[in-house]
Amino acid sequence: MKNKIFFAIFMTVWVVIVIINFIWPKQVFSEEENRMLATIPRFSFDKFVTGDYLNGVNDYINDHFAFRNFYLKLNSWWEIEVMGKKENNGVYIGKDGYLFEKFEYNDKEKENANTNVEVISDFANRMEEQNISTYFILAPNSIYINNDKLPNNVEVANQEEIINQIYTKTTNTKNINVTERLKTENKNKQLYFKTDHHINSDGAYVIYTEYCKAANVEAKEIDNFNRVTISNDFLGTFDSKAQLLNQEPDELFVYKNENNINIKEAIYDKQITNSIFNEKFLEGKDKYSYFLNGNNSRAIIKTNVNNDKKLLVIKDSYAHIMSQFLCQNYSEVHFLDPRYTNFDYAEYAKENKITDVLFLYNVSTFVQDTNLKKII
């Protein structure tokens, strides 16, 4: 009798779960994890034989079961708080609310870095033939600058040494060391988000001033800006991966003045606006896309700065938050993302009368990047 009751309860619960999952609204994109969710794979006999079809079905089920976000957070809490894990889904759970993504620099990363060094050196040589200066900034990540916030007994590769090694191999560029300044300034002021892989606006200003020194342009003093908090509940990419319960959010702030508020035109691929800031992103989780309208293959900022200087920034997303400062000294700033483009950047520089080029990457992205080779 007990077995029958247990079986009846089990079957009832199972049927209810199946029904809930069947009627549960299906999403295409997960804001919590900041990624596209799996879709139902198209059946083919070959995929069925190799197991790819069933793997695809399994991925779809895992991405779309009911109450998935709550389960992920509960599972994360169990593994960290109860089981005592130091990391979850590749993210270290640090002290004082800091989260860090693991950084690796093995053979694969070294090979990528060497390839990218050759590409940048060749490109800079072509720029030199056009009398265009090429600058190169590799920014360290929070895991190195804030290594005192890491869990106990976690060791991380010395990013400063890696950056210096890369700079040594790169030719025809003016390499800008921002690491020392970031280390010094970070002792008194938070320069990186706790829940995201980017620098914040204070970190961006440090990099901007170091660039200005190298490029022999006058940096705008911080007193010429108004510091504006645009969100107090920013949870970034590390939070999306770690899926923690009760993670304290970051403050998202920006430095505004006449040069970055009032611009002539901003072209994002085929979209044309009059701002480098997009308020609509503050309504969702991907608030960092407030800067420079998120990920675009090309963004062109035409400012009211009255000179003939035009800057081409070849970059990862660290450059997005830099846009508030880089538009201070140039009539035009062109941002190109090698992930989404496939054309000759040297010809682009010539056609658009570029006067300066800046390669701007964080070291973690740079050593993993396989797209830079598309620019030449």
Protein backbone atom coordinates (compact mmCIF):
# COMPACT_ATOMS: atom_id res chain seq x y z
CA MET A 1 0.00 0.00 0.00
CA LYS A 2 2.82 2.41 0.92
CA ASN A 3 4.56 1.66 -2.37
CA LYS A 4 1.38 2.48 -4.28
CA ILE A 5 0.96 5.79 -2.44
CA PHE A 6 4.62 6.70 -3.04
CA PHE A 7 4.28 5.79 -6.73
CA ALA A 8 1.11 7.86 -7.06
CA ILE A 9 2.75 10.89 -5.44
CA PHE A 10 5.87 10.48 -7.60
CA MET A 11 3.84 10.22 -10.82
CA THR A 12 1.70 13.22 -9.85
CA VAL A 13 4.75 15.36 -9.17
CA TRP A 14 6.40 14.18 -12.39
CA VAL A 15 3.30 14.97 -14.48
CA VAL A 16 2.99 18.40 -12.87
CA ILE A 17 6.66 19.15 -13.63
CA VAL A 18 6.22 18.03 -17.25
CA ILE A 19 3.12 20.22 -17.66
CA ILE A 20 4.80 23.26 -16.07
CA ASN A 21 7.85 22.88 -18.29
CA PHE A 22 5.64 22.47 -21.36
CA ILE A 23 3.69 25.67 -20.72
CA TRP A 24 6.61 27.64 -19.23
CA PRO A 25 7.42 30.69 -21.44
CA LYS A 26 10.44 30.00 -23.64
CA GLN A 27 13.13 32.66 -23.92
CA VAL A 28 15.66 33.30 -26.68
CA PHE A 29 18.10 35.29 -24.53
CA SER A 30 18.92 35.03 -20.84
CA GLU A 31 19.48 38.45 -19.26
CA GLU A 32 20.59 36.76 -16.04
CA GLU A 33 23.44 34.97 -17.83
CA ASN A 34 23.84 37.50 -20.65
CA ARG A 35 23.83 34.84 -23.39
CA MET A 36 21.67 33.26 -26.07
CA LEU A 37 19.81 30.17 -24.93
CA ALA A 38 19.88 26.87 -26.82
CA THR A 39 17.27 26.24 -29.51
CA ILE A 40 15.67 22.92 -30.50
CA PRO A 41 18.12 21.26 -32.91
CA ARG A 42 16.96 20.20 -36.38
CA PHE A 43 16.84 16.42 -36.64
CA SER A 44 19.07 14.56 -39.05
CA PHE A 45 20.07 10.92 -39.14
CA ASP A 46 23.80 11.78 -39.16
CA LYS A 47 23.45 14.00 -36.07
CA PHE A 48 21.42 11.30 -34.34
CA VAL A 49 24.12 8.68 -35.00
CA THR A 50 26.95 10.93 -33.78
CA GLY A 51 24.99 11.97 -30.70
CA ASP A 52 24.97 15.67 -31.64
CA TYR A 53 21.19 15.74 -31.91
CA LEU A 54 20.60 14.29 -28.43
CA ASN A 55 23.25 16.61 -27.00
CA GLY A 56 21.41 19.52 -28.58
CA VAL A 57 18.09 18.36 -27.10
CA ASN A 58 19.76 18.05 -23.69
CA ASP A 59 21.14 21.60 -23.97
CA TYR A 60 17.68 22.88 -24.90
CA ILE A 61 16.05 21.16 -21.92
CA ASN A 62 18.73 22.46 -19.54
CA ASP A 63 18.27 26.02 -20.82
CA HIS A 64 14.48 26.11 -20.65
CA PHE A 65 13.24 24.21 -17.59
CA ALA A 66 10.90 26.04 -15.22
CA PHE A 67 12.35 28.18 -12.41
CA ARG A 68 15.81 27.70 -13.94
CA ASN A 69 17.30 30.98 -12.65
CA PHE A 70 16.18 30.25 -9.09
CA TYR A 71 17.62 26.74 -9.27
CA LEU A 72 20.99 28.01 -10.56
CA LYS A 73 21.26 30.53 -7.73
CA LEU A 74 20.21 27.95 -5.15
CA ASN A 75 22.73 25.45 -6.49
CA SER A 76 25.46 28.12 -6.41
CA TRP A 77 24.58 28.97 -2.79
CA TRP A 78 24.76 25.30 -1.81
CA GLU A 79 28.17 24.72 -3.42
CA ILE A 80 29.74 27.90 -2.01
CA GLU A 81 28.13 28.35 1.40
CA VAL A 82 27.59 24.68 2.32
CA MET A 83 30.26 22.82 0.36
CA GLY A 84 32.85 25.57 0.79
CA LYS A 85 33.84 25.97 -2.87
CA LYS A 86 35.98 28.99 -3.77
CA GLU A 87 34.59 29.34 -7.25
CA ASN A 88 31.52 28.66 -9.34
CA ASN A 89 31.35 28.30 -13.12
CA GLY A 90 34.89 29.61 -13.57
CA VAL A 91 34.43 32.63 -11.27
CA TYR A 92 36.33 33.00 -8.00
CA ILE A 93 34.29 34.23 -5.05
CA GLY A 94 36.59 36.84 -3.54
CA LYS A 95 36.59 38.97 -0.42
CA ASP A 96 34.50 42.11 0.12
CA GLY A 97 32.09 41.23 -2.68
CA TYR A 98 34.74 40.91 -5.41
CA LEU A 99 34.30 38.32 -8.16
CA PHE A 100 37.10 37.25 -10.51
CA GLU A 101 37.20 35.19 -13.69
CA LYS A 102 40.03 32.67 -13.92
CA PHE A 103 43.01 33.85 -15.98
CA GLU A 104 45.11 31.32 -17.89
CA TYR A 105 48.29 31.87 -19.87
CA ASN A 106 49.31 28.54 -21.33
CA ASP A 107 50.58 27.44 -24.75
CA LYS A 108 47.34 28.30 -26.56
CA GLU A 109 47.20 31.78 -25.07
CA LYS A 110 50.90 32.39 -25.78
CA GLU A 111 50.41 31.36 -29.41
CA ASN A 112 47.43 33.73 -29.77
CA ALA A 113 49.41 36.56 -28.18
CA ASN A 114 52.37 36.03 -30.52
CA THR A 115 50.09 36.02 -33.57
CA ASN A 116 48.44 39.24 -32.42
CA VAL A 117 51.82 40.87 -31.79
CA GLU A 118 52.84 40.13 -35.39
CA VAL A 119 49.57 41.55 -36.71
CA ILE A 120 49.85 44.76 -34.68
CA SER A 121 53.51 45.22 -35.66
CA ASP A 122 52.76 44.75 -39.37
CA PHE A 123 49.77 47.08 -39.17
CA ALA A 124 51.77 49.73 -37.30
CA ASN A 125 54.46 49.55 -39.98
CA ARG A 126 51.84 50.31 -42.64
CA MET A 127 50.59 53.21 -40.52
CA GLU A 128 54.13 54.54 -40.21
CA GLU A 129 54.29 54.69 -44.02
CA GLN A 130 51.25 56.99 -43.86
CA ASN A 131 52.82 59.09 -41.06
CA ILE A 132 50.23 57.83 -38.60
CA SER A 133 51.27 57.07 -35.02
CA THR A 134 50.15 53.76 -33.53
CA TYR A 135 49.70 53.38 -29.76
CA PHE A 136 49.20 50.13 -27.89
CA ILE A 137 47.55 49.73 -24.47
CA LEU A 138 47.21 46.38 -22.72
CA ALA A 139 45.28 46.83 -19.49
CA PRO A 140 45.62 44.36 -16.63
CA ASN A 141 42.50 42.74 -15.20
CA SER A 142 40.99 43.08 -11.75
CA ILE A 143 42.26 39.60 -10.81
CA TYR A 144 45.79 41.01 -10.90
CA ILE A 145 45.20 44.55 -9.60
CA ASN A 146 42.94 43.32 -6.78
CA ASN A 147 44.72 40.04 -6.04
CA ASP A 148 44.54 40.76 -2.31
CA LYS A 149 40.78 40.13 -2.61
CA LEU A 150 41.21 36.63 -4.02
CA PRO A 151 40.28 33.57 -1.94
CA ASN A 152 43.14 32.17 0.14
CA ASN A 153 45.68 29.94 -1.66
CA VAL A 154 44.62 31.02 -5.17
CA GLU A 155 47.60 31.85 -7.38
CA VAL A 156 47.39 33.98 -10.53
CA ALA A 157 49.90 34.55 -13.32
CA ASN A 158 51.77 37.86 -13.14
CA GLN A 159 49.93 39.94 -15.75
CA GLU A 160 52.43 42.78 -15.50
CA GLU A 161 55.23 40.46 -16.65
CA ILE A 162 53.04 39.10 -19.45
CA ILE A 163 52.18 42.61 -20.65
CA ASN A 164 55.85 43.64 -20.62
CA GLN A 165 56.80 40.51 -22.58
CA ILE A 166 54.19 41.32 -25.21
CA TYR A 167 55.31 44.96 -25.40
CA THR A 168 58.92 43.85 -25.89
CA LYS A 169 57.95 41.76 -28.93
CA THR A 170 55.78 44.46 -30.51
CA THR A 171 57.49 46.78 -33.00
CA ASN A 172 56.57 50.07 -34.68
CA THR A 173 54.17 50.96 -31.85
CA LYS A 174 54.27 53.35 -28.92
CA ASN A 175 53.50 51.03 -26.03
CA ILE A 176 51.80 52.62 -23.02
CA ASN A 177 52.26 51.08 -19.59
CA VAL A 178 49.10 51.68 -17.55
CA THR A 179 49.67 48.92 -15.00
CA GLU A 180 51.76 50.89 -12.50
CA ARG A 181 49.31 53.78 -12.43
CA LEU A 182 46.34 51.45 -12.01
CA LYS A 183 48.07 49.63 -9.14
CA THR A 184 48.84 52.91 -7.39
CA GLU A 185 45.46 54.60 -7.91
CA ASN A 186 43.53 51.45 -7.02
CA LYS A 187 44.91 51.57 -3.47
CA ASN A 188 42.79 54.64 -2.73
CA LYS A 189 39.94 54.31 -5.20
CA GLN A 190 38.03 51.38 -6.73
CA LEU A 191 38.97 51.26 -10.42
CA TYR A 192 37.29 47.98 -11.41
CA PHE A 193 33.76 46.70 -11.03
CA LYS A 194 33.36 43.95 -8.45
CA THR A 195 30.81 41.98 -10.48
CA ASP A 196 32.07 42.64 -14.01
CA HIS A 197 35.26 42.21 -16.05
CA HIS A 198 35.54 45.87 -17.08
CA ILE A 199 37.21 48.89 -15.54
CA ASN A 200 34.82 51.49 -14.17
CA SER A 201 34.87 55.17 -15.16
CA ASP A 202 37.61 56.01 -12.64
CA GLY A 203 39.78 53.26 -14.14
CA ALA A 204 38.98 54.55 -17.62
CA TYR A 205 40.10 58.04 -16.65
CA VAL A 206 43.47 56.70 -15.44
CA ILE A 207 44.03 54.97 -18.78
CA TYR A 208 42.88 58.09 -20.66
CA THR A 209 45.41 60.33 -18.92
CA GLU A 210 48.23 57.87 -19.59
CA TYR A 211 47.25 57.77 -23.26
CA CYS A 212 47.22 61.57 -23.44
CA LYS A 213 50.76 61.74 -22.04
CA ALA A 214 52.04 59.33 -24.68
CA ALA A 215 50.10 60.95 -27.54
CA ASN A 216 51.14 64.46 -26.49
CA VAL A 217 47.57 65.72 -26.15
CA GLU A 218 46.15 67.63 -23.20
CA ALA A 219 43.99 65.48 -20.97
CA LYS A 220 40.84 67.11 -19.63
CA GLU A 221 41.12 67.56 -15.87
CA ILE A 222 38.63 65.55 -13.87
CA ASP A 223 37.25 68.80 -12.43
CA ASN A 224 35.89 69.59 -15.91
CA PHE A 225 33.41 66.70 -15.61
CA ASN A 226 30.29 66.05 -13.58
CA ARG A 227 30.23 62.62 -11.95
CA VAL A 228 26.77 61.15 -12.50
CA THR A 229 25.51 57.88 -11.00
CA ILE A 230 23.32 56.19 -13.60
CA SER A 231 22.59 52.95 -11.70
CA ASN A 232 23.11 51.51 -8.23
CA ASP A 233 22.13 47.96 -9.17
CA PHE A 234 24.63 46.96 -11.85
CA LEU A 235 25.44 43.24 -11.83
CA GLY A 236 27.95 42.36 -14.52
CA THR A 237 29.32 39.39 -16.41
CA PHE A 238 30.94 37.73 -13.38
CA ASP A 239 27.63 37.78 -11.56
CA SER A 240 25.94 36.30 -14.64
CA LYS A 241 28.35 33.36 -14.58
CA ALA A 242 28.53 32.84 -10.81
CA GLN A 243 24.75 33.10 -10.26
CA LEU A 244 25.11 34.07 -6.60
CA LEU A 245 22.31 34.75 -4.16
CA ASN A 246 22.33 38.25 -2.63
CA GLN A 247 25.37 39.54 -4.54
CA GLU A 248 25.93 43.23 -3.75
CA PRO A 249 25.62 45.23 -7.01
CA ASP A 250 28.08 47.81 -8.34
CA GLU A 251 27.55 51.51 -8.78
CA LEU A 252 27.60 52.45 -12.46
CA PHE A 253 28.68 56.04 -12.99
CA VAL A 254 29.85 58.28 -15.80
CA TYR A 255 31.78 61.55 -16.14
CA LYS A 256 29.87 64.01 -18.31
CA ASN A 257 30.76 67.36 -19.83
CA GLU A 258 29.89 69.38 -22.93
CA ASN A 259 32.23 67.38 -25.16
CA ASN A 260 30.62 64.00 -24.53
CA ILE A 261 27.02 65.14 -24.02
CA ASN A 262 26.75 67.35 -27.09
CA ILE A 263 28.18 65.61 -30.12
CA LYS A 264 27.36 66.05 -33.78
CA GLU A 265 26.63 62.44 -34.65
CA ALA A 266 27.12 58.87 -33.48
CA ILE A 267 26.99 56.12 -36.10
CA TYR A 268 26.60 52.55 -34.83
CA ASP A 269 26.80 50.28 -37.87
CA LYS A 270 23.62 51.42 -39.71
CA GLN A 271 22.04 53.21 -36.72
CA ILE A 272 22.58 56.97 -36.41
CA THR A 273 22.02 58.84 -33.13
CA ASN A 274 23.36 61.93 -31.39
CA SER A 275 24.77 60.32 -28.23
CA ILE A 276 27.53 58.01 -27.03
CA PHE A 277 25.22 57.00 -24.17
CA ASN A 278 22.10 54.84 -24.50
CA GLU A 279 19.67 55.10 -21.59
CA LYS A 280 17.53 52.12 -22.68
CA PHE A 281 20.22 49.64 -21.57
CA LEU A 282 19.83 50.82 -17.97
CA GLU A 283 16.40 49.16 -17.91
CA GLY A 284 17.86 45.64 -18.35
CA LYS A 285 20.76 43.63 -16.97
CA ASP A 286 23.29 44.55 -19.67
CA LYS A 287 23.80 48.04 -18.28
CA TYR A 288 27.42 48.31 -19.46
CA SER A 289 26.04 48.67 -23.00
CA TYR A 290 24.96 52.17 -21.93
CA PHE A 291 28.44 53.11 -23.14
CA LEU A 292 28.86 53.30 -26.92
CA ASN A 293 25.58 51.43 -27.58
CA GLY A 294 27.00 48.00 -26.71
CA ASN A 295 28.76 45.74 -29.21
CA ASN A 296 28.92 47.04 -32.77
CA SER A 297 31.25 46.22 -35.63
CA ARG A 298 31.87 49.95 -36.08
CA ALA A 299 31.06 53.09 -34.12
CA ILE A 300 31.94 56.55 -35.40
CA ILE A 301 31.70 59.50 -33.03
CA LYS A 302 31.73 62.95 -34.63
CA THR A 303 32.34 65.53 -31.92
CA ASN A 304 32.28 69.32 -31.70
CA VAL A 305 36.02 69.43 -31.02
CA ASN A 306 37.39 71.85 -33.59
CA ASN A 307 40.53 70.19 -34.98
CA ASP A 308 41.55 67.83 -37.76
CA LYS A 309 42.61 65.00 -35.46
CA LYS A 310 40.87 61.65 -35.98
CA LEU A 311 41.47 58.63 -33.78
CA LEU A 312 40.97 55.00 -34.82
CA VAL A 313 40.50 52.65 -31.85
CA ILE A 314 40.94 48.92 -32.55
CA LYS A 315 39.58 47.35 -29.44
CA ASP A 316 37.70 45.03 -27.17
CA SER A 317 34.86 46.22 -24.95
CA TYR A 318 37.24 47.97 -22.49
CA ALA A 319 37.16 50.82 -25.00
CA HIS A 320 33.42 51.37 -24.61
CA ILE A 321 33.66 53.03 -21.21
CA MET A 322 36.72 54.91 -22.51
CA SER A 323 34.57 56.65 -25.13
CA GLN A 324 33.45 59.32 -22.62
CA PHE A 325 37.08 60.52 -22.46
CA LEU A 326 38.52 59.70 -25.89
CA CYS A 327 36.02 62.02 -27.56
CA GLN A 328 37.49 64.98 -25.63
CA ASN A 329 40.47 65.54 -27.93
CA TYR A 330 39.43 64.49 -31.43
CA SER A 331 36.99 65.71 -34.04
CA GLU A 332 36.21 62.07 -34.83
CA VAL A 333 36.78 58.81 -33.00
CA HIS A 334 36.31 55.55 -34.94
CA PHE A 335 35.89 52.32 -32.97
CA LEU A 336 36.39 49.06 -34.90
CA ASP A 337 35.80 45.61 -33.42
CA PRO A 338 37.71 42.81 -35.24
CA ARG A 339 35.19 40.25 -33.97
CA TYR A 340 32.55 41.63 -36.31
CA THR A 341 34.57 42.99 -39.24
CA ASN A 342 36.63 41.53 -42.05
CA PHE A 343 38.34 44.22 -44.11
CA ASP A 344 41.69 46.00 -44.44
CA TYR A 345 41.96 48.44 -41.52
CA ALA A 346 44.94 50.24 -43.09
CA GLU A 347 42.83 51.15 -46.11
CA TYR A 348 40.06 52.24 -43.77
CA ALA A 349 42.50 54.54 -41.95
CA LYS A 350 43.60 56.06 -45.25
CA GLU A 351 40.08 56.56 -46.58
CA ASN A 352 38.90 58.21 -43.36
CA LYS A 353 41.99 60.41 -42.91
CA ILE A 354 42.87 58.92 -39.53
CA THR A 355 45.70 60.74 -37.70
CA ASP A 356 46.24 58.38 -34.74
CA VAL A 357 45.61 54.68 -34.06
CA LEU A 358 45.11 53.08 -30.65
CA PHE A 359 45.02 49.35 -29.98
CA LEU A 360 43.17 49.04 -26.66
CA TYR A 361 42.67 45.63 -25.05
CA ASN A 362 42.58 44.02 -21.65
CA VAL A 363 45.22 41.33 -21.36
CA SER A 364 42.78 38.46 -20.77
CA THR A 365 40.90 39.16 -24.01
CA PHE A 366 44.10 39.84 -25.95
CA VAL A 367 45.72 36.48 -25.22
CA GLN A 368 42.51 34.66 -26.20
CA ASP A 369 41.65 36.74 -29.26
CA THR A 370 41.74 35.04 -32.66
CA ASN A 371 40.14 37.86 -34.67
CA LEU A 372 42.90 40.49 -34.88
CA LYS A 373 44.49 38.72 -37.83
CA LYS A 374 41.45 39.74 -39.92
CA ILE A 375 42.45 43.42 -39.92
CA ILE A 376 45.27 43.09 -42.48
